[in-house]
Structure formats: C-alpha cells, structure tokens
Amino acid sequence: FYSSALGLFIYQCLDAIDGKQARRTGTSSVMGELFDHGCDSVSTFVVLLASACTIRLGAYGTIMFLYCFTSMFVFYTAHWRAYVTGTLQFGKLDVTEAQITILIVYTLSGVLGQSTWETKIYGIELRLIIAIISLILAWSTSANNFRVVLRGGQGKNGHECLVSCLSHRHFPLHCLHSVSSFENLSSVSHSIYSHFRGSFGKDNE
C-alpha cells in the first residue's frame, strides 16, 4: 500500500509538470499531448481498480463495476468537453482531489489494515459510503461536462457539436456501456461478480 501511495504521488507530480516543462523548453507538440492523455487513460483505470481492491469493494460486484466504469466515464466526458471547447478545464472537486483521496486510502490501509473499510457507520460500511459519494460526484461532473458539450464552444468541432458529438462520437461509448452493463447484470454465471468477490472480497486465508 505504501509503494502504491508513493507511486501515485510521483505520477501525479510528473503528470502535472510535464506539460509546463514541454512548453518552457519549446518541445510541446500534438503528439506529446496525445501520448500524455493516452497514458492518463490507462493509469486512470489501473488506479481506480487498485483503489476499489484496496477497500475490498469486490464484495459488491455491481457497485464495483459502477465505481470503475462511472469514473472512467468522467475521464471520457472531460476530454469530450475539451474537444468541443478547445480547453481542458477542471472543477473544484476533480481529478487532483480524487488522487489525494486515493493516496489517503492507500496510506490508511497500510497503517490500519483493509478491514478498516468494513467498519459500519450508522449501519453502512465505510467502503460503501466511499463508493456512493464517488458515484454522486462522478455523475455530477459528467452532467456538467454534458451541459458544456451541448452548448458548443471554440474547439474545432464546437460549431457542429450537436451533430458530430451526439452521433458518431457518442456511439462507441454507448456501445461499450451497453455491452459491459448487460454482461455484468445479466450474466448467468455472474463471472464479473464472482471474480471480484473471490479475489478481493474476503481476507486471504
């Protein structure tokens, strides 16, 4: 847990300064930006999955699925908004605050143990409280990004936002969401639920 916290802290710092360093040295490019955000998309999923495993959210397969997928959805809509408006903007509670929260989760898990997240507050496990708050914030952020997208902007496709974004640019995300949700909720074998529950839902014996 300590190494995960340290690794996330180093990643967060480097991700925050790489763009400024590139602009300062005159080495910034479109390819560099694409590579940066491509790495972010991979690391976002890894960090989300690791944080869910840390608090043993696998005991609740459907909630874990929503936790990971919804958070990735925020990443998608944030860059969709940047595509339309021409700038990548962040709210008061956004990715930096989420990363700091996960850092705290890693550290507390190392100090107090993973069983800490099974503690009940007013009858609700702490891990469920964390997941529910995360889902509420994620959907709120996504909704705000959608409102900006629908208004259009100064990006290269801002003037045709309603046509391009809500049609072919939205289609891949819709397909991914539909297929993954159907698999998670309708699978006879409940493979996703069983896998996460078996791997992360209980103490290792």
Protein backbone atom coordinates (compact mmCIF):
# COMPACT_ATOMS: atom_id res chain seq x y z
CA PHE A 1 0.00 0.00 0.00
CA TYR A 2 2.85 2.36 0.80
CA SER A 3 4.51 1.72 -2.55
CA SER A 4 1.17 2.31 -4.31
CA ALA A 5 0.76 5.61 -2.48
CA LEU A 6 4.30 6.67 -3.35
CA GLY A 7 3.88 5.65 -6.97
CA LEU A 8 0.63 7.57 -7.31
CA PHE A 9 2.18 10.66 -5.72
CA ILE A 10 5.13 10.57 -8.13
CA TYR A 11 2.80 10.02 -11.10
CA GLN A 12 0.56 12.90 -10.00
CA CYS A 13 3.50 15.30 -9.70
CA LEU A 14 5.09 14.33 -13.02
CA ASP A 15 1.75 14.46 -14.82
CA ALA A 16 1.21 18.00 -13.51
CA ILE A 17 4.59 19.38 -14.61
CA ASP A 18 5.30 17.61 -17.90
CA GLY A 19 3.18 20.00 -19.97
CA LYS A 20 4.68 23.08 -18.36
CA GLN A 21 8.17 21.70 -18.90
CA ALA A 22 7.44 20.97 -22.56
CA ARG A 23 6.12 24.49 -23.15
CA ARG A 24 9.03 26.04 -21.28
CA THR A 25 11.57 24.20 -23.41
CA GLY A 26 9.62 24.61 -26.66
CA THR A 27 9.19 20.85 -27.12
CA SER A 28 5.39 20.66 -26.80
CA SER A 29 3.51 19.02 -29.67
CA VAL A 30 0.18 17.50 -30.56
CA MET A 31 1.74 14.03 -30.45
CA GLY A 32 3.08 14.75 -26.96
CA GLU A 33 -0.36 15.79 -25.77
CA LEU A 34 -1.91 12.68 -27.31
CA PHE A 35 0.70 10.45 -25.67
CA ASP A 36 0.19 12.19 -22.31
CA HIS A 37 -3.57 11.74 -22.28
CA GLY A 38 -3.25 8.21 -23.64
CA CYS A 39 -1.08 7.29 -20.66
CA ASP A 40 -3.57 9.04 -18.38
CA SER A 41 -6.42 6.92 -19.73
CA VAL A 42 -4.55 3.70 -18.90
CA SER A 43 -3.34 4.85 -15.48
CA THR A 44 -6.81 6.10 -14.56
CA PHE A 45 -8.28 2.63 -14.93
CA VAL A 46 -5.40 0.98 -13.06
CA VAL A 47 -5.62 3.45 -10.15
CA LEU A 48 -9.41 3.09 -9.94
CA LEU A 49 -9.25 -0.69 -9.93
CA ALA A 50 -6.46 -0.69 -7.33
CA SER A 51 -8.38 1.68 -5.06
CA ALA A 52 -11.51 -0.48 -5.33
CA CYS A 53 -9.49 -3.57 -4.45
CA THR A 54 -7.86 -1.74 -1.55
CA ILE A 55 -11.21 -1.07 0.16
CA ARG A 56 -12.43 -4.56 -0.83
CA LEU A 57 -15.27 -3.26 -2.93
CA GLY A 58 -15.26 -6.59 -4.77
CA ALA A 59 -17.67 -7.91 -2.16
CA TYR A 60 -20.27 -5.82 -4.00
CA GLY A 61 -19.67 -6.67 -7.65
CA THR A 62 -22.27 -4.38 -9.21
CA ILE A 63 -21.17 -1.38 -7.14
CA MET A 64 -17.54 -2.03 -8.00
CA PHE A 65 -18.45 -2.17 -11.68
CA LEU A 66 -20.33 1.14 -11.43
CA TYR A 67 -17.50 2.70 -9.42
CA CYS A 68 -14.86 1.88 -12.03
CA PHE A 69 -16.95 2.47 -15.14
CA THR A 70 -18.53 5.73 -13.98
CA SER A 71 -15.14 7.17 -13.05
CA MET A 72 -13.79 6.28 -16.49
CA PHE A 73 -16.91 7.89 -17.95
CA VAL A 74 -15.91 11.15 -16.27
CA PHE A 75 -12.49 10.93 -17.96
CA TYR A 76 -14.21 10.44 -21.32
CA THR A 77 -16.64 13.35 -20.90
CA ALA A 78 -13.87 15.68 -19.65
CA HIS A 79 -11.90 15.13 -22.86
CA TRP A 80 -15.09 15.31 -24.92
CA ARG A 81 -15.64 18.72 -23.37
CA ALA A 82 -12.06 19.71 -24.16
CA TYR A 83 -12.56 18.62 -27.77
CA VAL A 84 -15.60 20.88 -28.10
CA THR A 85 -14.38 23.94 -26.17
CA GLY A 86 -10.68 23.77 -27.01
CA THR A 87 -9.55 23.72 -23.35
CA LEU A 88 -9.34 21.05 -20.65
CA GLN A 89 -10.99 22.53 -17.57
CA PHE A 90 -11.30 21.10 -14.05
CA GLY A 91 -13.82 21.70 -11.29
CA LYS A 92 -13.30 22.43 -7.60
CA LEU A 93 -13.58 18.70 -6.87
CA ASP A 94 -11.91 16.87 -9.72
CA VAL A 95 -9.07 14.51 -10.57
CA THR A 96 -6.49 16.03 -8.22
CA GLU A 97 -8.80 15.75 -5.22
CA ALA A 98 -9.67 12.18 -6.25
CA GLN A 99 -6.00 11.24 -6.42
CA ILE A 100 -5.32 12.77 -3.00
CA THR A 101 -8.25 10.80 -1.57
CA ILE A 102 -6.89 7.57 -3.04
CA LEU A 103 -3.46 8.40 -1.58
CA ILE A 104 -5.10 8.67 1.83
CA VAL A 105 -6.93 5.38 1.28
CA TYR A 106 -3.68 3.61 0.41
CA THR A 107 -1.89 5.05 3.42
CA LEU A 108 -4.68 4.24 5.89
CA SER A 109 -4.91 0.70 4.51
CA GLY A 110 -1.21 0.25 5.17
CA VAL A 111 -1.44 1.65 8.70
CA LEU A 112 -4.79 0.27 9.86
CA GLY A 113 -5.39 -2.67 7.51
CA GLN A 114 -8.01 -3.28 4.85
CA SER A 115 -10.59 -4.41 7.38
CA THR A 116 -10.93 -0.74 8.35
CA TRP A 117 -13.13 -0.16 5.32
CA GLU A 118 -15.63 -2.75 6.57
CA THR A 119 -16.36 -0.62 9.64
CA LYS A 120 -20.03 0.37 9.79
CA ILE A 121 -21.18 3.94 10.28
CA TYR A 122 -24.91 4.12 11.08
CA GLY A 123 -25.23 0.59 9.71
CA ILE A 124 -23.47 1.29 6.40
CA GLU A 125 -19.98 0.01 5.66
CA LEU A 126 -17.36 2.69 5.13
CA ARG A 127 -16.38 1.24 1.74
CA LEU A 128 -19.96 1.64 0.53
CA ILE A 129 -20.06 5.24 1.74
CA ILE A 130 -16.88 5.98 -0.22
CA ALA A 131 -18.27 4.31 -3.34
CA ILE A 132 -21.63 6.11 -3.15
CA ILE A 133 -20.02 9.53 -2.65
CA SER A 134 -17.68 8.82 -5.57
CA LEU A 135 -20.60 7.87 -7.81
CA ILE A 136 -22.56 11.01 -6.91
CA LEU A 137 -19.57 13.27 -7.61
CA ALA A 138 -18.75 11.42 -10.83
CA TRP A 139 -22.25 11.73 -12.24
CA SER A 140 -22.43 15.37 -11.21
CA THR A 141 -19.17 16.12 -13.01
CA SER A 142 -20.28 14.18 -16.09
CA ALA A 143 -23.60 16.04 -16.18
CA ASN A 144 -21.78 19.37 -16.05
CA ASN A 145 -19.47 18.26 -18.88
CA PHE A 146 -22.51 17.29 -20.94
CA ARG A 147 -24.08 20.71 -20.44
CA VAL A 148 -20.93 22.38 -21.72
CA VAL A 149 -20.75 20.00 -24.70
CA LEU A 150 -24.34 20.72 -25.67
CA ARG A 151 -23.67 24.46 -25.65
CA GLY A 152 -20.76 24.08 -28.05
CA GLY A 153 -17.61 26.17 -27.91
CA GLN A 154 -14.48 27.38 -29.61
CA GLY A 155 -12.97 23.99 -30.41
CA LYS A 156 -12.50 22.85 -33.97
CA ASN A 157 -15.81 20.98 -33.81
CA GLY A 158 -17.67 23.33 -31.46
CA HIS A 159 -19.92 24.63 -34.21
CA GLU A 160 -21.25 21.17 -35.07
CA CYS A 161 -21.39 19.79 -31.58
CA LEU A 162 -24.99 18.54 -31.65
CA VAL A 163 -24.46 16.68 -34.90
CA SER A 164 -21.00 15.19 -34.56
CA CYS A 165 -20.77 14.61 -30.79
CA LEU A 166 -24.21 13.15 -30.24
CA SER A 167 -23.95 10.86 -33.22
CA HIS A 168 -20.79 9.01 -34.21
CA ARG A 169 -18.62 10.37 -31.36
CA HIS A 170 -21.11 9.18 -28.76
CA PHE A 171 -21.78 5.83 -30.41
CA PRO A 172 -18.61 3.93 -29.25
CA LEU A 173 -19.19 4.95 -25.63
CA HIS A 174 -22.85 3.94 -25.82
CA CYS A 175 -21.93 0.53 -27.24
CA LEU A 176 -19.27 -0.07 -24.59
CA HIS A 177 -21.63 0.91 -21.78
CA SER A 178 -24.46 -1.27 -23.11
CA VAL A 179 -22.36 -4.38 -23.62
CA SER A 180 -20.48 -4.15 -20.32
CA SER A 181 -23.66 -3.38 -18.34
CA PHE A 182 -25.50 -6.28 -19.96
CA GLU A 183 -22.64 -8.65 -19.16
CA ASN A 184 -22.45 -7.51 -15.55
CA LEU A 185 -26.16 -7.52 -14.79
CA SER A 186 -27.47 -10.34 -16.98
CA SER A 187 -24.71 -12.94 -16.97
CA VAL A 188 -25.97 -16.37 -15.89
CA SER A 189 -22.59 -17.27 -14.38
CA HIS A 190 -22.08 -13.80 -12.84
CA SER A 191 -18.45 -14.06 -13.85
CA ILE A 192 -17.54 -10.45 -13.08
CA TYR A 193 -19.15 -10.53 -9.67
CA SER A 194 -17.66 -13.91 -8.77
CA HIS A 195 -14.19 -12.92 -9.93
CA PHE A 196 -14.01 -9.70 -7.93
CA ARG A 197 -15.68 -11.19 -4.88
CA GLY A 198 -13.40 -14.20 -4.89
CA SER A 199 -10.26 -12.16 -5.43
CA PHE A 200 -10.83 -9.08 -3.33
CA GLY A 201 -13.94 -9.52 -1.24
CA LYS A 202 -12.51 -11.59 1.58
CA ASP A 203 -9.38 -11.95 3.63
CA ASN A 204 -6.66 -14.13 2.17
CA GLU A 205 -6.56 -17.33 4.15
